[in-house]
Amino acid sequence: MGEIHFIKPDSNTLHGFFSNELEPALEINSGDTVIFQTLDAAWGLEKRSALGSARKKFTGLKPDRKATEFGHALVGPVFINQAKPGQTLEIKINEIIPGSWGWTSAGGFPSYWNEKMGMVETNEVLLDFELDVETMVAKSQFGNFTYSVGLKPFMGIMGMPPNEKGRHSTVPPRPSGGNMDCKELQAGSTLFLPIPVEGGLFSTGDGHAAQGDGEVSGPALECPMEKVSLTFTVRDDLQINMPRAKTNDGWLTMGFHENLEEAMWIALREMLDVMSSLYNISTTEAYAYATMVVDLRITQVVNSVKGVHAFLPFNALR
């Protein structure tokens, strides 16, 4: 059994971009577990005190960890000693506990999704919630009425930098993970990512207490996370090109592309590879079974590079 490490958001761990030149915040071995604490995606430190008030944000970011444009608040990176390019990083998601508050919003600023919905010029709607981790329910914090939303927490961003120098935006998802915003990656799931750089340099952030497929207005129910327990294992026996996952209910493969249809075809091809391996059948035969049992779902449409995931339930083929 590996060691357990702890990492909290501070000036030595927070950063607003992916880079293979970032100094690691933590060094671990394959098989170790890291327990993260994270800020919300927008660097918030606490809930708003009143409707319309500003939220206190983290301001102690070191210059060499600050993005030139918006970047999600990430914690890391974690250097895994045995990780080498071409291998696969297995990330077991043991536990995710949200903080006590969260928020979401819609409309009020230029974006391609607000333009499509005719909401660029409207006033932004900002909703605040109190999160109860005992009942797993979020309740609206301000206003004349109380609205409740069930909590299904997951991390919007889990990933590693590409094998190219420079600072890479946290916004688009990549083959090595990043801003995937896949609501299926809850506690109990295992995520598999292709390792792009020596040590992996894994980071996480952008905690979501709840999200619908698509994340249609831009944010989900954004929140800090009190505890994100992840176990990292380097795999030599598995070669993949895109993220895939074993969730509590089945197998999941992902596709990313600026064009939503192309993202769908990528996710489907990845799923046929999984099925071919699982059942020792040809890709064509897997395709025939897939038309009966595989679901294609829109992961998100608001990260410039859009996402689709293909899902195969465990009991689909008996």
C-alpha atoms as a PDB file:
ATOM      1  CA  MET A   1       0.000   0.000   0.000  1.00  0.00           C
ATOM      2  CA  GLY A   2       1.374   3.403  -1.000  1.00  0.00           C
ATOM      3  CA  GLU A   3       1.896   6.518   1.056  1.00  0.00           C
ATOM      4  CA  ILE A   4      -0.725   9.230   1.616  1.00  0.00           C
ATOM      5  CA  HIS A   5       0.163  12.844   0.808  1.00  0.00           C
ATOM      6  CA  PHE A   6      -1.719  16.099   1.391  1.00  0.00           C
ATOM      7  CA  ILE A   7      -1.732  19.218  -0.777  1.00  0.00           C
ATOM      8  CA  LYS A   8      -3.596  22.480  -0.108  1.00  0.00           C
ATOM      9  CA  PRO A   9      -4.141  25.615  -2.212  1.00  0.00           C
ATOM     10  CA  ASP A  10      -1.427  28.194  -1.494  1.00  0.00           C
ATOM     11  CA  SER A  11       1.198  30.253  -3.305  1.00  0.00           C
ATOM     12  CA  ASN A  12       3.359  27.146  -3.826  1.00  0.00           C
ATOM     13  CA  THR A  13       0.655  24.903  -5.265  1.00  0.00           C
ATOM     14  CA  LEU A  14      -1.851  27.110  -7.113  1.00  0.00           C
ATOM     15  CA  HIS A  15      -1.416  27.889 -10.824  1.00  0.00           C
ATOM     16  CA  GLY A  16      -3.605  29.100 -13.690  1.00  0.00           C
ATOM     17  CA  PHE A  17      -2.198  27.133 -16.662  1.00  0.00           C
ATOM     18  CA  PHE A  18      -0.697  23.786 -17.657  1.00  0.00           C
ATOM     19  CA  SER A  19       3.043  23.635 -18.348  1.00  0.00           C
ATOM     20  CA  ASN A  20       5.719  20.963 -18.370  1.00  0.00           C
ATOM     21  CA  GLU A  21       8.094  23.648 -17.079  1.00  0.00           C
ATOM     22  CA  LEU A  22       6.217  24.222 -13.803  1.00  0.00           C
ATOM     23  CA  GLU A  23       8.039  23.289 -10.617  1.00  0.00           C
ATOM     24  CA  PRO A  24       6.266  20.290  -9.026  1.00  0.00           C
ATOM     25  CA  ALA A  25       4.437  21.034  -5.794  1.00  0.00           C
ATOM     26  CA  LEU A  26       4.668  17.396  -4.712  1.00  0.00           C
ATOM     27  CA  GLU A  27       6.665  14.284  -5.667  1.00  0.00           C
ATOM     28  CA  ILE A  28       5.143  10.832  -5.173  1.00  0.00           C
ATOM     29  CA  ASN A  29       5.553   7.207  -6.220  1.00  0.00           C
ATOM     30  CA  SER A  30       3.224   5.039  -8.252  1.00  0.00           C
ATOM     31  CA  GLY A  31       0.613   3.590  -5.884  1.00  0.00           C
ATOM     32  CA  ASP A  32       0.553   6.653  -3.619  1.00  0.00           C
ATOM     33  CA  THR A  33      -2.589   8.589  -2.717  1.00  0.00           C
ATOM     34  CA  VAL A  34      -2.853  12.374  -2.742  1.00  0.00           C
ATOM     35  CA  ILE A  35      -5.571  14.219  -0.819  1.00  0.00           C
ATOM     36  CA  PHE A  36      -6.191  17.610  -2.447  1.00  0.00           C
ATOM     37  CA  GLN A  37      -8.038  20.647  -1.150  1.00  0.00           C
ATOM     38  CA  THR A  38      -9.039  23.089  -3.900  1.00  0.00           C
ATOM     39  CA  LEU A  39     -10.483  26.553  -4.471  1.00  0.00           C
ATOM     40  CA  ASP A  40     -13.423  27.078  -6.782  1.00  0.00           C
ATOM     41  CA  ALA A  41     -12.514  27.582 -10.453  1.00  0.00           C
ATOM     42  CA  ALA A  42     -12.625  31.397 -10.129  1.00  0.00           C
ATOM     43  CA  TRP A  43     -10.151  31.560  -7.202  1.00  0.00           C
ATOM     44  CA  GLY A  44     -12.838  32.200  -4.572  1.00  0.00           C
ATOM     45  CA  LEU A  45     -11.957  31.977  -0.879  1.00  0.00           C
ATOM     46  CA  GLU A  46     -15.401  32.309   0.673  1.00  0.00           C
ATOM     47  CA  LYS A  47     -19.090  32.639  -0.123  1.00  0.00           C
ATOM     48  CA  ARG A  48     -20.555  36.061  -0.906  1.00  0.00           C
ATOM     49  CA  SER A  49     -21.913  37.897   2.115  1.00  0.00           C
ATOM     50  CA  ALA A  50     -24.910  39.367   0.279  1.00  0.00           C
ATOM     51  CA  LEU A  51     -26.589  39.439  -3.122  1.00  0.00           C
ATOM     52  CA  GLY A  52     -24.510  41.605  -5.464  1.00  0.00           C
ATOM     53  CA  SER A  53     -21.459  41.719  -3.220  1.00  0.00           C
ATOM     54  CA  ALA A  54     -17.992  40.775  -4.451  1.00  0.00           C
ATOM     55  CA  ARG A  55     -16.449  37.442  -3.527  1.00  0.00           C
ATOM     56  CA  LYS A  56     -13.068  37.439  -1.783  1.00  0.00           C
ATOM     57  CA  LYS A  57     -10.501  35.797  -4.036  1.00  0.00           C
ATOM     58  CA  PHE A  58      -6.985  34.411  -3.702  1.00  0.00           C
ATOM     59  CA  THR A  59      -4.461  37.095  -4.663  1.00  0.00           C
ATOM     60  CA  GLY A  60      -1.117  35.652  -3.550  1.00  0.00           C
ATOM     61  CA  LEU A  61      -0.320  33.868  -6.800  1.00  0.00           C
ATOM     62  CA  LYS A  62       3.357  33.872  -7.759  1.00  0.00           C
ATOM     63  CA  PRO A  63       4.121  35.600 -11.112  1.00  0.00           C
ATOM     64  CA  ASP A  64       5.522  32.402 -12.609  1.00  0.00           C
ATOM     65  CA  ARG A  65       2.247  30.608 -11.814  1.00  0.00           C
ATOM     66  CA  LYS A  66      -0.138  33.310 -13.095  1.00  0.00           C
ATOM     67  CA  ALA A  67      -1.904  32.992 -16.462  1.00  0.00           C
ATOM     68  CA  THR A  68      -1.931  35.988 -18.844  1.00  0.00           C
ATOM     69  CA  GLU A  69      -5.678  35.440 -19.384  1.00  0.00           C
ATOM     70  CA  PHE A  70      -8.357  33.574 -17.423  1.00  0.00           C
ATOM     71  CA  GLY A  71      -7.147  30.291 -16.003  1.00  0.00           C
ATOM     72  CA  HIS A  72      -8.928  27.977 -13.583  1.00  0.00           C
ATOM     73  CA  ALA A  73      -7.461  27.675 -10.090  1.00  0.00           C
ATOM     74  CA  LEU A  74      -5.468  24.436 -10.281  1.00  0.00           C
ATOM     75  CA  VAL A  75      -3.587  22.683  -7.480  1.00  0.00           C
ATOM     76  CA  GLY A  76      -0.338  20.854  -8.236  1.00  0.00           C
ATOM     77  CA  PRO A  77       1.459  19.774 -10.227  1.00  0.00           C
ATOM     78  CA  VAL A  78       2.179  16.328  -8.814  1.00  0.00           C
ATOM     79  CA  PHE A  79       5.291  14.558 -10.136  1.00  0.00           C
ATOM     80  CA  ILE A  80       4.913  10.752 -10.215  1.00  0.00           C
ATOM     81  CA  ASN A  81       8.416   9.251 -10.167  1.00  0.00           C
ATOM     82  CA  GLN A  82       7.769   6.242 -12.392  1.00  0.00           C
ATOM     83  CA  ALA A  83       5.661   8.096 -14.988  1.00  0.00           C
ATOM     84  CA  LYS A  84       7.086   8.302 -18.504  1.00  0.00           C
ATOM     85  CA  PRO A  85       5.622   9.448 -21.837  1.00  0.00           C
ATOM     86  CA  GLY A  86       3.769   6.677 -23.623  1.00  0.00           C
ATOM     87  CA  GLN A  87       2.587   5.016 -20.412  1.00  0.00           C
ATOM     88  CA  THR A  88      -0.868   5.370 -18.856  1.00  0.00           C
ATOM     89  CA  LEU A  89      -1.730   7.052 -15.566  1.00  0.00           C
ATOM     90  CA  GLU A  90      -4.509   5.315 -13.640  1.00  0.00           C
ATOM     91  CA  ILE A  91      -6.297   7.693 -11.256  1.00  0.00           C
ATOM     92  CA  LYS A  92      -8.656   6.071  -8.788  1.00  0.00           C
ATOM     93  CA  ILE A  93     -11.150   8.617  -7.458  1.00  0.00           C
ATOM     94  CA  ASN A  94     -11.626   7.510  -3.859  1.00  0.00           C
ATOM     95  CA  GLU A  95     -13.581  10.366  -2.305  1.00  0.00           C
ATOM     96  CA  ILE A  96     -14.812  13.873  -3.166  1.00  0.00           C
ATOM     97  CA  ILE A  97     -16.227  16.153  -0.467  1.00  0.00           C
ATOM     98  CA  PRO A  98     -17.427  19.637  -1.513  1.00  0.00           C
ATOM     99  CA  GLY A  99     -17.038  22.813   0.537  1.00  0.00           C
ATOM    100  CA  SER A 100     -20.000  24.610   2.116  1.00  0.00           C
ATOM    101  CA  TRP A 101     -20.865  26.986  -0.735  1.00  0.00           C
ATOM    102  CA  GLY A 102     -21.107  27.211  -4.509  1.00  0.00           C
ATOM    103  CA  TRP A 103     -22.398  29.314  -7.367  1.00  0.00           C
ATOM    104  CA  THR A 104     -23.440  29.292 -10.994  1.00  0.00           C
ATOM    105  CA  SER A 105     -24.325  31.958 -13.567  1.00  0.00           C
ATOM    106  CA  ALA A 106     -25.775  32.585 -17.015  1.00  0.00           C
ATOM    107  CA  GLY A 107     -25.742  35.318 -19.655  1.00  0.00           C
ATOM    108  CA  GLY A 108     -24.362  38.839 -19.567  1.00  0.00           C
ATOM    109  CA  PHE A 109     -21.040  38.588 -21.421  1.00  0.00           C
ATOM    110  CA  PRO A 110     -19.749  37.801 -24.930  1.00  0.00           C
ATOM    111  CA  SER A 111     -19.303  34.082 -25.587  1.00  0.00           C
ATOM    112  CA  TYR A 112     -20.298  31.830 -28.443  1.00  0.00           C
ATOM    113  CA  TRP A 113     -22.922  30.075 -26.302  1.00  0.00           C
ATOM    114  CA  ASN A 114     -24.441  33.354 -25.053  1.00  0.00           C
ATOM    115  CA  GLU A 115     -24.496  34.612 -28.641  1.00  0.00           C
ATOM    116  CA  LYS A 116     -26.346  31.462 -29.757  1.00  0.00           C
ATOM    117  CA  MET A 117     -28.909  31.923 -26.981  1.00  0.00           C
ATOM    118  CA  GLY A 118     -29.264  35.704 -27.458  1.00  0.00           C
ATOM    119  CA  MET A 119     -28.007  36.447 -23.943  1.00  0.00           C
ATOM    120  CA  VAL A 120     -24.889  38.572 -24.489  1.00  0.00           C
ATOM    121  CA  GLU A 121     -26.660  41.849 -23.667  1.00  0.00           C
ATOM    122  CA  THR A 122     -28.874  40.539 -20.873  1.00  0.00           C
ATOM    123  CA  ASN A 123     -28.022  41.094 -17.227  1.00  0.00           C
ATOM    124  CA  GLU A 124     -25.931  38.245 -15.843  1.00  0.00           C
ATOM    125  CA  VAL A 125     -27.808  35.984 -13.455  1.00  0.00           C
ATOM    126  CA  LEU A 126     -25.592  34.853 -10.587  1.00  0.00           C
ATOM    127  CA  LEU A 127     -26.966  32.190  -8.243  1.00  0.00           C
ATOM    128  CA  ASP A 128     -25.396  31.365  -4.870  1.00  0.00           C
ATOM    129  CA  PHE A 129     -25.932  28.109  -2.986  1.00  0.00           C
ATOM    130  CA  GLU A 130     -25.232  26.650   0.422  1.00  0.00           C
ATOM    131  CA  LEU A 131     -24.016  23.044   0.177  1.00  0.00           C
ATOM    132  CA  ASP A 132     -24.988  20.447   2.754  1.00  0.00           C
ATOM    133  CA  VAL A 133     -22.631  17.469   2.444  1.00  0.00           C
ATOM    134  CA  GLU A 134     -24.678  15.432   4.946  1.00  0.00           C
ATOM    135  CA  THR A 135     -27.904  15.526   2.920  1.00  0.00           C
ATOM    136  CA  MET A 136     -26.022  16.110  -0.381  1.00  0.00           C
ATOM    137  CA  VAL A 137     -28.354  18.971  -1.279  1.00  0.00           C
ATOM    138  CA  ALA A 138     -27.606  22.541  -2.408  1.00  0.00           C
ATOM    139  CA  LYS A 139     -30.047  25.313  -1.430  1.00  0.00           C
ATOM    140  CA  SER A 140     -30.136  28.789  -2.928  1.00  0.00           C
ATOM    141  CA  GLN A 141     -28.507  31.320  -0.622  1.00  0.00           C
ATOM    142  CA  PHE A 142     -30.238  34.596  -1.573  1.00  0.00           C
ATOM    143  CA  GLY A 143     -33.661  35.526  -2.903  1.00  0.00           C
ATOM    144  CA  ASN A 144     -37.318  35.230  -1.976  1.00  0.00           C
ATOM    145  CA  PHE A 145     -37.594  31.547  -2.856  1.00  0.00           C
ATOM    146  CA  THR A 146     -35.480  28.539  -1.935  1.00  0.00           C
ATOM    147  CA  TYR A 147     -34.379  26.205  -4.704  1.00  0.00           C
ATOM    148  CA  SER A 148     -32.718  22.855  -4.103  1.00  0.00           C
ATOM    149  CA  VAL A 149     -30.354  20.830  -6.292  1.00  0.00           C
ATOM    150  CA  GLY A 150     -28.980  17.370  -5.538  1.00  0.00           C
ATOM    151  CA  LEU A 151     -25.193  17.153  -5.225  1.00  0.00           C
ATOM    152  CA  LYS A 152     -23.160  14.822  -7.421  1.00  0.00           C
ATOM    153  CA  PRO A 153     -19.625  16.199  -6.995  1.00  0.00           C
ATOM    154  CA  PHE A 154     -16.732  15.685  -9.394  1.00  0.00           C
ATOM    155  CA  MET A 155     -13.637  17.528 -10.566  1.00  0.00           C
ATOM    156  CA  GLY A 156     -14.050  19.460 -13.808  1.00  0.00           C
ATOM    157  CA  ILE A 157     -10.288  19.440 -14.407  1.00  0.00           C
ATOM    158  CA  MET A 158      -7.950  16.498 -13.965  1.00  0.00           C
ATOM    159  CA  GLY A 159      -4.993  16.353 -16.275  1.00  0.00           C
ATOM    160  CA  MET A 160      -1.408  16.830 -17.348  1.00  0.00           C
ATOM    161  CA  PRO A 161       0.335  19.333 -19.653  1.00  0.00           C
ATOM    162  CA  PRO A 162       1.042  18.594 -23.325  1.00  0.00           C
ATOM    163  CA  ASN A 163       4.614  17.794 -24.326  1.00  0.00           C
ATOM    164  CA  GLU A 164       5.214  21.290 -25.705  1.00  0.00           C
ATOM    165  CA  LYS A 165       6.965  24.190 -24.029  1.00  0.00           C
ATOM    166  CA  GLY A 166       5.057  27.252 -22.885  1.00  0.00           C
ATOM    167  CA  ARG A 167       1.918  27.974 -20.894  1.00  0.00           C
ATOM    168  CA  HIS A 168      -1.185  26.119 -22.038  1.00  0.00           C
ATOM    169  CA  SER A 169      -4.722  27.322 -21.283  1.00  0.00           C
ATOM    170  CA  THR A 170      -6.802  25.466 -18.710  1.00  0.00           C
ATOM    171  CA  VAL A 171      -9.961  25.986 -20.800  1.00  0.00           C
ATOM    172  CA  PRO A 172      -9.853  23.276 -23.520  1.00  0.00           C
ATOM    173  CA  PRO A 173      -9.680  19.547 -22.755  1.00  0.00           C
ATOM    174  CA  ARG A 174      -6.792  17.605 -24.330  1.00  0.00           C
ATOM    175  CA  PRO A 175      -5.782  13.971 -24.890  1.00  0.00           C
ATOM    176  CA  SER A 176      -3.937  14.156 -21.546  1.00  0.00           C
ATOM    177  CA  GLY A 177      -7.085  15.374 -19.756  1.00  0.00           C
ATOM    178  CA  GLY A 178      -7.654  18.882 -18.444  1.00  0.00           C
ATOM    179  CA  ASN A 179     -11.022  20.629 -18.511  1.00  0.00           C
ATOM    180  CA  MET A 180     -13.061  17.544 -19.419  1.00  0.00           C
ATOM    181  CA  ASP A 181     -16.099  18.536 -17.313  1.00  0.00           C
ATOM    182  CA  CYS A 182     -17.405  14.961 -17.360  1.00  0.00           C
ATOM    183  CA  LYS A 183     -20.040  14.511 -14.658  1.00  0.00           C
ATOM    184  CA  GLU A 184     -19.590  10.722 -14.652  1.00  0.00           C
ATOM    185  CA  LEU A 185     -16.165  10.984 -12.965  1.00  0.00           C
ATOM    186  CA  GLN A 186     -17.512  10.780  -9.426  1.00  0.00           C
ATOM    187  CA  ALA A 187     -16.110   8.944  -6.410  1.00  0.00           C
ATOM    188  CA  GLY A 188     -15.692   5.256  -7.183  1.00  0.00           C
ATOM    189  CA  SER A 189     -14.624   5.891 -10.771  1.00  0.00           C
ATOM    190  CA  THR A 190     -11.176   5.246 -12.218  1.00  0.00           C
ATOM    191  CA  LEU A 191      -9.804   7.600 -14.863  1.00  0.00           C
ATOM    192  CA  PHE A 192      -7.104   6.572 -17.340  1.00  0.00           C
ATOM    193  CA  LEU A 193      -4.961   9.236 -19.037  1.00  0.00           C
ATOM    194  CA  PRO A 194      -2.087   8.899 -21.523  1.00  0.00           C
ATOM    195  CA  ILE A 195       1.080  10.305 -19.928  1.00  0.00           C
ATOM    196  CA  PRO A 196       2.561  13.074 -22.115  1.00  0.00           C
ATOM    197  CA  VAL A 197       5.620  14.189 -20.100  1.00  0.00           C
ATOM    198  CA  GLU A 198       8.169  12.863 -17.631  1.00  0.00           C
ATOM    199  CA  GLY A 199       6.582  12.596 -14.187  1.00  0.00           C
ATOM    200  CA  GLY A 200       3.119  13.336 -15.558  1.00  0.00           C
ATOM    201  CA  LEU A 201       2.824  16.662 -13.680  1.00  0.00           C
ATOM    202  CA  PHE A 202      -0.815  16.088 -12.734  1.00  0.00           C
ATOM    203  CA  SER A 203      -3.040  18.939 -11.545  1.00  0.00           C
ATOM    204  CA  THR A 204      -6.691  19.213 -10.560  1.00  0.00           C
ATOM    205  CA  GLY A 205      -9.252  21.934  -9.856  1.00  0.00           C
ATOM    206  CA  ASP A 206     -12.582  23.329 -11.064  1.00  0.00           C
ATOM    207  CA  GLY A 207     -14.695  21.447  -8.537  1.00  0.00           C
ATOM    208  CA  HIS A 208     -18.326  20.916  -9.517  1.00  0.00           C
ATOM    209  CA  ALA A 209     -21.004  20.062  -6.971  1.00  0.00           C
ATOM    210  CA  ALA A 210     -23.504  19.351  -9.770  1.00  0.00           C
ATOM    211  CA  GLN A 211     -23.656  19.640 -13.554  1.00  0.00           C
ATOM    212  CA  GLY A 212     -25.882  18.594 -16.419  1.00  0.00           C
ATOM    213  CA  ASP A 213     -24.470  17.048 -19.586  1.00  0.00           C
ATOM    214  CA  GLY A 214     -23.332  19.954 -21.750  1.00  0.00           C
ATOM    215  CA  GLU A 215     -22.579  22.457 -18.947  1.00  0.00           C
ATOM    216  CA  VAL A 216     -24.677  24.685 -21.170  1.00  0.00           C
ATOM    217  CA  SER A 217     -24.402  28.166 -19.588  1.00  0.00           C
ATOM    218  CA  GLY A 218     -20.624  28.051 -19.058  1.00  0.00           C
ATOM    219  CA  PRO A 219     -20.164  27.207 -15.370  1.00  0.00           C
ATOM    220  CA  ALA A 220     -21.639  24.263 -13.473  1.00  0.00           C
ATOM    221  CA  LEU A 221     -22.385  24.499  -9.738  1.00  0.00           C
ATOM    222  CA  GLU A 222     -18.862  25.732  -9.030  1.00  0.00           C
ATOM    223  CA  CYS A 223     -17.478  25.084  -5.564  1.00  0.00           C
ATOM    224  CA  PRO A 224     -14.306  24.602  -3.546  1.00  0.00           C
ATOM    225  CA  MET A 225     -13.502  21.041  -2.516  1.00  0.00           C
ATOM    226  CA  GLU A 226     -12.606  20.134   1.060  1.00  0.00           C
ATOM    227  CA  LYS A 227     -11.263  16.708   0.121  1.00  0.00           C
ATOM    228  CA  VAL A 228     -10.368  15.075  -3.176  1.00  0.00           C
ATOM    229  CA  SER A 229      -8.675  11.718  -2.612  1.00  0.00           C
ATOM    230  CA  LEU A 230      -6.915  10.286  -5.684  1.00  0.00           C
ATOM    231  CA  THR A 231      -4.680   7.214  -5.961  1.00  0.00           C
ATOM    232  CA  PHE A 232      -2.127   7.274  -8.801  1.00  0.00           C
ATOM    233  CA  THR A 233      -0.777   4.148 -10.502  1.00  0.00           C
ATOM    234  CA  VAL A 234       1.497   4.071 -13.547  1.00  0.00           C
ATOM    235  CA  ARG A 235       0.413   1.403 -16.025  1.00  0.00           C
ATOM    236  CA  ASP A 236       2.843  -0.256 -18.446  1.00  0.00           C
ATOM    237  CA  ASP A 237       0.259  -2.752 -19.685  1.00  0.00           C
ATOM    238  CA  LEU A 238      -2.222  -0.254 -21.142  1.00  0.00           C
ATOM    239  CA  GLN A 239      -1.668   2.070 -24.091  1.00  0.00           C
ATOM    240  CA  ILE A 240      -4.310   4.681 -24.872  1.00  0.00           C
ATOM    241  CA  ASN A 241      -4.555   7.847 -26.958  1.00  0.00           C
ATOM    242  CA  MET A 242      -7.463   9.587 -25.222  1.00  0.00           C
ATOM    243  CA  PRO A 243      -8.955   9.650 -21.722  1.00  0.00           C
ATOM    244  CA  ARG A 244     -11.190   6.778 -20.752  1.00  0.00           C
ATOM    245  CA  ALA A 245     -12.784   5.749 -17.470  1.00  0.00           C
ATOM    246  CA  LYS A 246     -14.342   2.892 -15.579  1.00  0.00           C
ATOM    247  CA  THR A 247     -17.247   4.440 -13.684  1.00  0.00           C
ATOM    248  CA  ASN A 248     -19.574   2.931 -11.104  1.00  0.00           C
ATOM    249  CA  ASP A 249     -21.938   1.884 -13.900  1.00  0.00           C
ATOM    250  CA  GLY A 250     -19.820   1.135 -16.955  1.00  0.00           C
ATOM    251  CA  TRP A 251     -17.015   2.019 -19.346  1.00  0.00           C
ATOM    252  CA  LEU A 252     -16.637   5.510 -20.773  1.00  0.00           C
ATOM    253  CA  THR A 253     -14.506   6.884 -23.609  1.00  0.00           C
ATOM    254  CA  MET A 254     -14.025  10.529 -24.571  1.00  0.00           C
ATOM    255  CA  GLY A 255     -13.651  12.577 -27.723  1.00  0.00           C
ATOM    256  CA  PHE A 256     -12.597  16.235 -27.964  1.00  0.00           C
ATOM    257  CA  HIS A 257     -12.801  18.505 -31.009  1.00  0.00           C
ATOM    258  CA  GLU A 258     -13.853  22.044 -31.961  1.00  0.00           C
ATOM    259  CA  ASN A 259     -16.581  20.356 -34.021  1.00  0.00           C
ATOM    260  CA  LEU A 260     -19.080  18.473 -31.864  1.00  0.00           C
ATOM    261  CA  GLU A 261     -19.718  15.833 -34.521  1.00  0.00           C
ATOM    262  CA  GLU A 262     -15.995  15.090 -34.861  1.00  0.00           C
ATOM    263  CA  ALA A 263     -15.775  14.762 -31.059  1.00  0.00           C
ATOM    264  CA  MET A 264     -18.556  12.193 -31.260  1.00  0.00           C
ATOM    265  CA  TRP A 265     -16.738  10.071 -33.865  1.00  0.00           C
ATOM    266  CA  ILE A 266     -13.538  10.148 -31.780  1.00  0.00           C
ATOM    267  CA  ALA A 267     -15.395   8.972 -28.653  1.00  0.00           C
ATOM    268  CA  LEU A 268     -17.092   6.204 -30.648  1.00  0.00           C
ATOM    269  CA  ARG A 269     -13.833   4.943 -32.166  1.00  0.00           C
ATOM    270  CA  GLU A 270     -12.289   4.852 -28.698  1.00  0.00           C
ATOM    271  CA  MET A 271     -15.259   2.841 -27.405  1.00  0.00           C
ATOM    272  CA  LEU A 272     -14.928   0.305 -30.226  1.00  0.00           C
ATOM    273  CA  ASP A 273     -11.298  -0.184 -29.148  1.00  0.00           C
ATOM    274  CA  VAL A 274     -12.468  -0.835 -25.579  1.00  0.00           C
ATOM    275  CA  MET A 275     -15.130  -3.310 -26.716  1.00  0.00           C
ATOM    276  CA  SER A 276     -12.722  -5.124 -29.037  1.00  0.00           C
ATOM    277  CA  SER A 277     -10.346  -5.632 -26.132  1.00  0.00           C
ATOM    278  CA  LEU A 278     -12.995  -6.514 -23.533  1.00  0.00           C
ATOM    279  CA  TYR A 279     -14.766  -9.120 -25.656  1.00  0.00           C
ATOM    280  CA  ASN A 280     -11.928 -10.226 -27.966  1.00  0.00           C
ATOM    281  CA  ILE A 281     -13.905  -9.342 -31.090  1.00  0.00           C
ATOM    282  CA  SER A 282     -13.171  -7.379 -34.256  1.00  0.00           C
ATOM    283  CA  THR A 283     -13.780  -3.638 -34.470  1.00  0.00           C
ATOM    284  CA  THR A 284     -16.584  -4.242 -36.965  1.00  0.00           C
ATOM    285  CA  GLU A 285     -18.314  -6.717 -34.669  1.00  0.00           C
ATOM    286  CA  ALA A 286     -17.895  -4.266 -31.798  1.00  0.00           C
ATOM    287  CA  TYR A 287     -19.568  -1.634 -33.998  1.00  0.00           C
ATOM    288  CA  ALA A 288     -22.558  -3.961 -34.510  1.00  0.00           C
ATOM    289  CA  TYR A 289     -22.939  -4.442 -30.753  1.00  0.00           C
ATOM    290  CA  ALA A 290     -22.351  -0.725 -30.083  1.00  0.00           C
ATOM    291  CA  THR A 291     -25.382   0.291 -32.111  1.00  0.00           C
ATOM    292  CA  MET A 292     -27.523  -1.652 -29.607  1.00  0.00           C
ATOM    293  CA  VAL A 293     -25.895  -0.859 -26.271  1.00  0.00           C
ATOM    294  CA  VAL A 294     -23.599   2.210 -26.416  1.00  0.00           C
ATOM    295  CA  ASP A 295     -24.913   5.678 -25.546  1.00  0.00           C
ATOM    296  CA  LEU A 296     -23.333   8.852 -26.934  1.00  0.00           C
ATOM    297  CA  ARG A 297     -23.605  11.820 -24.585  1.00  0.00           C
ATOM    298  CA  ILE A 298     -22.571  15.451 -24.880  1.00  0.00           C
ATOM    299  CA  THR A 299     -20.020  16.113 -22.143  1.00  0.00           C
ATOM    300  CA  GLN A 300     -19.692  19.877 -22.556  1.00  0.00           C
ATOM    301  CA  VAL A 301     -20.115  22.495 -25.313  1.00  0.00           C
ATOM    302  CA  VAL A 302     -18.529  25.555 -23.663  1.00  0.00           C
ATOM    303  CA  ASN A 303     -14.760  24.916 -23.549  1.00  0.00           C
ATOM    304  CA  SER A 304     -13.931  25.909 -27.163  1.00  0.00           C
ATOM    305  CA  VAL A 305     -12.920  22.278 -27.701  1.00  0.00           C
ATOM    306  CA  LYS A 306     -16.190  20.408 -27.217  1.00  0.00           C
ATOM    307  CA  GLY A 307     -16.559  17.006 -25.603  1.00  0.00           C
ATOM    308  CA  VAL A 308     -18.574  13.852 -26.208  1.00  0.00           C
ATOM    309  CA  HIS A 309     -18.391  10.636 -24.212  1.00  0.00           C
ATOM    310  CA  ALA A 310     -19.484   7.161 -25.247  1.00  0.00           C
ATOM    311  CA  PHE A 311     -20.885   4.966 -22.476  1.00  0.00           C
ATOM    312  CA  LEU A 312     -21.084   1.175 -22.234  1.00  0.00           C
ATOM    313  CA  PRO A 313     -22.987  -0.201 -19.200  1.00  0.00           C
ATOM    314  CA  PHE A 314     -21.349  -3.160 -17.465  1.00  0.00           C
ATOM    315  CA  ASN A 315     -24.351  -5.422 -18.016  1.00  0.00           C
ATOM    316  CA  ALA A 316     -24.934  -4.424 -21.646  1.00  0.00           C
ATOM    317  CA  LEU A 317     -23.556  -7.675 -23.084  1.00  0.00           C
ATOM    318  CA  ARG A 318     -24.119 -10.819 -21.046  1.00  0.00           C
END
